């Protein structure tokens, strides 16, 4: 019996991508959903502080309004990311994770504030639409890319990425002496 030459085998590129990038895709999808929730908190609170009742409590202070809205949204985001998006990754302790999470979000907030400052003060675009585009479209998009990378790298690392004598014991980061290894 003669073998039939079927030509080159067609690979299942979707399956290949899923195998290679499945975890990354799942994390990115969950991160995106958490981000949408945090975005609603951030944008809603920002606008309430700036424009509720016409001239809100912080109408003349757009940067202060943005700082407050980002801090509240960051807390919501941390809780959802720790317990859902990155729940399968190493636990390195709430204090460490929460601290790093806020530092990373502080940097990302700085990105959004720079965009808002340029638009509002340098360019004089001080209306509600311009403030929202600068802070909540440009600044937020750039900050989001930075946060996803930094969370995966520093806040919620893969267990294998932990350096030195760090080990995960009962879900928390601990130091293991050389004699225990």
C-alpha atoms as a PDB file:
ATOM      1  CA  UNK A   1       0.000   0.000   0.000  1.00  0.00           C
ATOM      2  CA  UNK A   2       1.335   3.332  -1.017  1.00  0.00           C
ATOM      3  CA  UNK A   3       1.274   6.342   1.322  1.00  0.00           C
ATOM      4  CA  UNK A   4      -0.587   9.296  -0.028  1.00  0.00           C
ATOM      5  CA  UNK A   5       1.328  12.530   0.108  1.00  0.00           C
ATOM      6  CA  UNK A   6      -1.022  15.085   1.635  1.00  0.00           C
ATOM      7  CA  UNK A   7       1.477  17.892   1.229  1.00  0.00           C
ATOM      8  CA  UNK A   8       2.756  19.966   4.091  1.00  0.00           C
ATOM      9  CA  UNK A   9       0.665  19.607   7.252  1.00  0.00           C
ATOM     10  CA  UNK A  10      -1.344  22.619   8.070  1.00  0.00           C
ATOM     11  CA  UNK A  11      -0.734  23.689  11.643  1.00  0.00           C
ATOM     12  CA  UNK A  12      -3.465  24.802  13.944  1.00  0.00           C
ATOM     13  CA  UNK A  13      -2.197  28.346  14.510  1.00  0.00           C
ATOM     14  CA  UNK A  14      -4.948  29.133  17.016  1.00  0.00           C
ATOM     15  CA  UNK A  15      -3.980  26.110  19.088  1.00  0.00           C
ATOM     16  CA  UNK A  16      -0.322  27.036  18.863  1.00  0.00           C
ATOM     17  CA  UNK A  17      -1.041  30.566  20.035  1.00  0.00           C
ATOM     18  CA  UNK A  18      -3.252  29.261  22.827  1.00  0.00           C
ATOM     19  CA  UNK A  19      -0.512  26.888  24.016  1.00  0.00           C
ATOM     20  CA  UNK A  20       2.210  29.521  23.918  1.00  0.00           C
ATOM     21  CA  UNK A  21       0.240  32.507  25.105  1.00  0.00           C
ATOM     22  CA  UNK A  22      -2.802  31.036  26.878  1.00  0.00           C
ATOM     23  CA  UNK A  23      -1.923  32.327  30.328  1.00  0.00           C
ATOM     24  CA  UNK A  24      -0.932  35.731  28.981  1.00  0.00           C
ATOM     25  CA  UNK A  25      -4.187  35.999  27.010  1.00  0.00           C
ATOM     26  CA  UNK A  26      -6.268  34.944  30.031  1.00  0.00           C
ATOM     27  CA  UNK A  27      -4.445  37.409  32.280  1.00  0.00           C
ATOM     28  CA  UNK A  28      -4.832  40.205  29.725  1.00  0.00           C
ATOM     29  CA  UNK A  29      -8.570  39.518  29.367  1.00  0.00           C
ATOM     30  CA  UNK A  30      -9.125  39.511  33.130  1.00  0.00           C
ATOM     31  CA  UNK A  31      -6.879  42.548  33.532  1.00  0.00           C
ATOM     32  CA  UNK A  32      -8.971  44.317  30.904  1.00  0.00           C
ATOM     33  CA  UNK A  33     -12.206  43.534  32.731  1.00  0.00           C
ATOM     34  CA  UNK A  34     -10.759  44.689  36.040  1.00  0.00           C
ATOM     35  CA  UNK A  35      -9.497  47.770  34.242  1.00  0.00           C
ATOM     36  CA  UNK A  36     -12.977  48.543  32.937  1.00  0.00           C
ATOM     37  CA  UNK A  37     -14.377  48.346  36.452  1.00  0.00           C
ATOM     38  CA  UNK A  38     -11.586  50.559  37.772  1.00  0.00           C
ATOM     39  CA  UNK A  39     -12.139  52.930  34.835  1.00  0.00           C
ATOM     40  CA  UNK A  40     -15.804  53.369  35.781  1.00  0.00           C
ATOM     41  CA  UNK A  41     -14.746  54.121  39.363  1.00  0.00           C
ATOM     42  CA  UNK A  42     -11.957  56.482  38.224  1.00  0.00           C
ATOM     43  CA  UNK A  43     -13.892  58.410  35.572  1.00  0.00           C
ATOM     44  CA  UNK A  44     -17.116  58.484  37.573  1.00  0.00           C
ATOM     45  CA  UNK A  45     -15.451  59.826  40.702  1.00  0.00           C
ATOM     46  CA  UNK A  46     -13.265  62.278  38.729  1.00  0.00           C
ATOM     47  CA  UNK A  47     -16.320  63.756  37.040  1.00  0.00           C
ATOM     48  CA  UNK A  48     -18.376  63.793  40.244  1.00  0.00           C
ATOM     49  CA  UNK A  49     -15.609  65.707  42.011  1.00  0.00           C
ATOM     50  CA  UNK A  50     -15.165  68.152  39.107  1.00  0.00           C
ATOM     51  CA  UNK A  51     -18.657  68.633  37.702  1.00  0.00           C
ATOM     52  CA  UNK A  52     -21.384  67.339  40.081  1.00  0.00           C
ATOM     53  CA  UNK A  53     -24.051  70.006  40.280  1.00  0.00           C
ATOM     54  CA  UNK A  54     -22.328  72.120  37.600  1.00  0.00           C
ATOM     55  CA  UNK A  55     -19.248  73.074  39.566  1.00  0.00           C
ATOM     56  CA  UNK A  56     -18.287  70.158  41.773  1.00  0.00           C
ATOM     57  CA  UNK A  57     -16.364  70.121  45.019  1.00  0.00           C
ATOM     58  CA  UNK A  58     -13.023  70.152  43.150  1.00  0.00           C
ATOM     59  CA  UNK A  59     -14.118  72.048  40.029  1.00  0.00           C
ATOM     60  CA  UNK A  60     -11.044  74.314  40.063  1.00  0.00           C
ATOM     61  CA  UNK A  61      -8.645  71.510  41.045  1.00  0.00           C
ATOM     62  CA  UNK A  62      -8.541  68.928  38.238  1.00  0.00           C
ATOM     63  CA  UNK A  63      -5.253  67.396  39.390  1.00  0.00           C
ATOM     64  CA  UNK A  64      -6.511  66.870  42.949  1.00  0.00           C
ATOM     65  CA  UNK A  65      -9.721  65.336  41.617  1.00  0.00           C
ATOM     66  CA  UNK A  66      -7.679  62.961  39.471  1.00  0.00           C
ATOM     67  CA  UNK A  67      -5.427  61.923  42.370  1.00  0.00           C
ATOM     68  CA  UNK A  68      -8.439  61.075  44.551  1.00  0.00           C
ATOM     69  CA  UNK A  69     -10.222  59.162  41.781  1.00  0.00           C
ATOM     70  CA  UNK A  70      -7.081  57.178  40.966  1.00  0.00           C
ATOM     71  CA  UNK A  71      -6.415  56.211  44.608  1.00  0.00           C
ATOM     72  CA  UNK A  72      -9.953  54.859  45.021  1.00  0.00           C
ATOM     73  CA  UNK A  73      -9.871  53.046  41.653  1.00  0.00           C
ATOM     74  CA  UNK A  74      -6.431  51.615  42.489  1.00  0.00           C
ATOM     75  CA  UNK A  75      -7.697  50.024  45.689  1.00  0.00           C
ATOM     76  CA  UNK A  76     -10.580  48.390  43.817  1.00  0.00           C
ATOM     77  CA  UNK A  77      -8.167  47.255  41.099  1.00  0.00           C
ATOM     78  CA  UNK A  78      -5.675  45.738  43.548  1.00  0.00           C
ATOM     79  CA  UNK A  79      -8.323  43.642  45.248  1.00  0.00           C
ATOM     80  CA  UNK A  80      -9.730  42.337  41.953  1.00  0.00           C
ATOM     81  CA  UNK A  81      -6.327  41.698  40.359  1.00  0.00           C
ATOM     82  CA  UNK A  82      -4.912  39.910  43.400  1.00  0.00           C
ATOM     83  CA  UNK A  83      -7.933  37.691  43.871  1.00  0.00           C
ATOM     84  CA  UNK A  84      -8.916  37.052  40.239  1.00  0.00           C
ATOM     85  CA  UNK A  85      -6.554  38.157  37.453  1.00  0.00           C
ATOM     86  CA  UNK A  86      -3.331  36.944  39.040  1.00  0.00           C
ATOM     87  CA  UNK A  87      -4.764  34.489  41.586  1.00  0.00           C
ATOM     88  CA  UNK A  88      -2.650  31.647  40.119  1.00  0.00           C
ATOM     89  CA  UNK A  89       0.632  33.496  40.605  1.00  0.00           C
ATOM     90  CA  UNK A  90       2.903  33.600  43.631  1.00  0.00           C
ATOM     91  CA  UNK A  91       1.665  35.336  46.755  1.00  0.00           C
ATOM     92  CA  UNK A  92       4.383  37.545  48.145  1.00  0.00           C
ATOM     93  CA  UNK A  93       2.441  39.103  51.006  1.00  0.00           C
ATOM     94  CA  UNK A  94      -0.291  41.707  51.023  1.00  0.00           C
ATOM     95  CA  UNK A  95       1.915  44.489  52.410  1.00  0.00           C
ATOM     96  CA  UNK A  96       4.581  43.989  49.737  1.00  0.00           C
ATOM     97  CA  UNK A  97       2.069  43.588  46.906  1.00  0.00           C
ATOM     98  CA  UNK A  98      -0.128  46.491  47.987  1.00  0.00           C
ATOM     99  CA  UNK A  99       2.889  48.751  48.414  1.00  0.00           C
ATOM    100  CA  UNK A 100       4.310  47.888  44.998  1.00  0.00           C
ATOM    101  CA  UNK A 101       0.846  48.111  43.457  1.00  0.00           C
ATOM    102  CA  UNK A 102       0.502  51.689  44.715  1.00  0.00           C
ATOM    103  CA  UNK A 103       4.019  52.661  43.644  1.00  0.00           C
ATOM    104  CA  UNK A 104       3.353  51.313  40.144  1.00  0.00           C
ATOM    105  CA  UNK A 105      -0.008  53.046  40.071  1.00  0.00           C
ATOM    106  CA  UNK A 106       1.646  56.235  41.290  1.00  0.00           C
ATOM    107  CA  UNK A 107       3.900  56.102  38.249  1.00  0.00           C
ATOM    108  CA  UNK A 108       0.916  55.360  36.006  1.00  0.00           C
ATOM    109  CA  UNK A 109      -1.014  58.210  37.647  1.00  0.00           C
ATOM    110  CA  UNK A 110       1.959  60.456  36.889  1.00  0.00           C
ATOM    111  CA  UNK A 111       1.605  59.485  33.237  1.00  0.00           C
ATOM    112  CA  UNK A 112      -2.093  60.483  33.299  1.00  0.00           C
ATOM    113  CA  UNK A 113      -1.340  63.692  35.209  1.00  0.00           C
ATOM    114  CA  UNK A 114       1.307  64.735  32.687  1.00  0.00           C
ATOM    115  CA  UNK A 115      -1.207  64.238  29.874  1.00  0.00           C
ATOM    116  CA  UNK A 116      -3.841  66.221  31.795  1.00  0.00           C
ATOM    117  CA  UNK A 117      -1.379  68.980  32.747  1.00  0.00           C
ATOM    118  CA  UNK A 118      -0.233  69.416  29.146  1.00  0.00           C
ATOM    119  CA  UNK A 119      -3.803  69.599  27.887  1.00  0.00           C
ATOM    120  CA  UNK A 120      -5.296  71.713  30.676  1.00  0.00           C
ATOM    121  CA  UNK A 121      -2.467  74.118  31.482  1.00  0.00           C
ATOM    122  CA  UNK A 122       0.071  74.127  28.645  1.00  0.00           C
ATOM    123  CA  UNK A 123      -2.481  74.004  25.808  1.00  0.00           C
ATOM    124  CA  UNK A 124      -5.287  75.815  27.664  1.00  0.00           C
ATOM    125  CA  UNK A 125      -7.843  73.117  26.811  1.00  0.00           C
ATOM    126  CA  UNK A 126      -9.752  73.428  30.073  1.00  0.00           C
ATOM    127  CA  UNK A 127     -13.229  72.169  29.212  1.00  0.00           C
ATOM    128  CA  UNK A 128     -14.738  68.873  30.456  1.00  0.00           C
ATOM    129  CA  UNK A 129     -14.243  67.033  27.151  1.00  0.00           C
ATOM    130  CA  UNK A 130     -10.565  68.015  26.832  1.00  0.00           C
ATOM    131  CA  UNK A 131      -9.858  67.135  30.482  1.00  0.00           C
ATOM    132  CA  UNK A 132     -11.460  63.709  30.042  1.00  0.00           C
ATOM    133  CA  UNK A 133      -9.658  62.932  26.792  1.00  0.00           C
ATOM    134  CA  UNK A 134      -6.302  63.931  28.254  1.00  0.00           C
ATOM    135  CA  UNK A 135      -6.714  62.185  31.608  1.00  0.00           C
ATOM    136  CA  UNK A 136      -8.983  59.277  30.785  1.00  0.00           C
ATOM    137  CA  UNK A 137      -8.055  58.355  27.218  1.00  0.00           C
ATOM    138  CA  UNK A 138      -4.434  59.306  26.528  1.00  0.00           C
ATOM    139  CA  UNK A 139      -3.090  59.135  30.087  1.00  0.00           C
ATOM    140  CA  UNK A 140      -5.077  56.069  31.029  1.00  0.00           C
ATOM    141  CA  UNK A 141      -4.097  54.102  27.916  1.00  0.00           C
ATOM    142  CA  UNK A 142      -0.379  54.738  28.414  1.00  0.00           C
ATOM    143  CA  UNK A 143      -0.642  54.027  32.133  1.00  0.00           C
ATOM    144  CA  UNK A 144      -2.534  50.779  31.510  1.00  0.00           C
ATOM    145  CA  UNK A 145       0.185  49.349  29.291  1.00  0.00           C
ATOM    146  CA  UNK A 146       2.782  50.212  31.901  1.00  0.00           C
ATOM    147  CA  UNK A 147       0.695  48.714  34.750  1.00  0.00           C
ATOM    148  CA  UNK A 148       0.044  45.365  33.048  1.00  0.00           C
ATOM    149  CA  UNK A 149       3.752  44.856  32.423  1.00  0.00           C
ATOM    150  CA  UNK A 150       4.755  45.999  35.914  1.00  0.00           C
ATOM    151  CA  UNK A 151       2.108  43.965  37.765  1.00  0.00           C
ATOM    152  CA  UNK A 152       3.142  40.763  35.972  1.00  0.00           C
ATOM    153  CA  UNK A 153       6.828  41.497  36.513  1.00  0.00           C
ATOM    154  CA  UNK A 154       6.986  42.906  40.046  1.00  0.00           C
ATOM    155  CA  UNK A 155       3.735  42.655  42.010  1.00  0.00           C
ATOM    156  CA  UNK A 156       2.467  39.195  41.037  1.00  0.00           C
ATOM    157  CA  UNK A 157       5.571  37.356  39.766  1.00  0.00           C
ATOM    158  CA  UNK A 158       5.695  33.789  38.535  1.00  0.00           C
ATOM    159  CA  UNK A 159       6.939  31.555  41.298  1.00  0.00           C
ATOM    160  CA  UNK A 160      10.072  30.709  39.276  1.00  0.00           C
ATOM    161  CA  UNK A 161      10.913  34.411  38.972  1.00  0.00           C
ATOM    162  CA  UNK A 162      11.444  34.843  42.713  1.00  0.00           C
ATOM    163  CA  UNK A 163      15.118  35.499  43.334  1.00  0.00           C
ATOM    164  CA  UNK A 164      17.657  34.329  45.849  1.00  0.00           C
ATOM    165  CA  UNK A 165      16.440  32.471  48.901  1.00  0.00           C
ATOM    166  CA  UNK A 166      12.818  33.606  48.550  1.00  0.00           C
ATOM    167  CA  UNK A 167      10.281  30.782  48.691  1.00  0.00           C
ATOM    168  CA  UNK A 168       6.511  30.586  48.760  1.00  0.00           C
ATOM    169  CA  UNK A 169       5.299  28.949  51.973  1.00  0.00           C
ATOM    170  CA  UNK A 170       1.553  28.655  52.561  1.00  0.00           C
ATOM    171  CA  UNK A 171       0.924  31.203  49.827  1.00  0.00           C
ATOM    172  CA  UNK A 172       3.229  33.867  51.259  1.00  0.00           C
ATOM    173  CA  UNK A 173       6.775  34.964  50.447  1.00  0.00           C
ATOM    174  CA  UNK A 174       9.341  33.924  53.033  1.00  0.00           C
ATOM    175  CA  UNK A 175      13.100  33.776  53.375  1.00  0.00           C
ATOM    176  CA  UNK A 176      14.571  30.301  53.592  1.00  0.00           C
ATOM    177  CA  UNK A 177      17.984  29.852  55.140  1.00  0.00           C
ATOM    178  CA  UNK A 178      20.617  27.843  53.266  1.00  0.00           C
ATOM    179  CA  UNK A 179      20.347  25.033  55.848  1.00  0.00           C
ATOM    180  CA  UNK A 180      16.598  24.618  55.123  1.00  0.00           C
ATOM    181  CA  UNK A 181      17.050  24.393  51.347  1.00  0.00           C
END
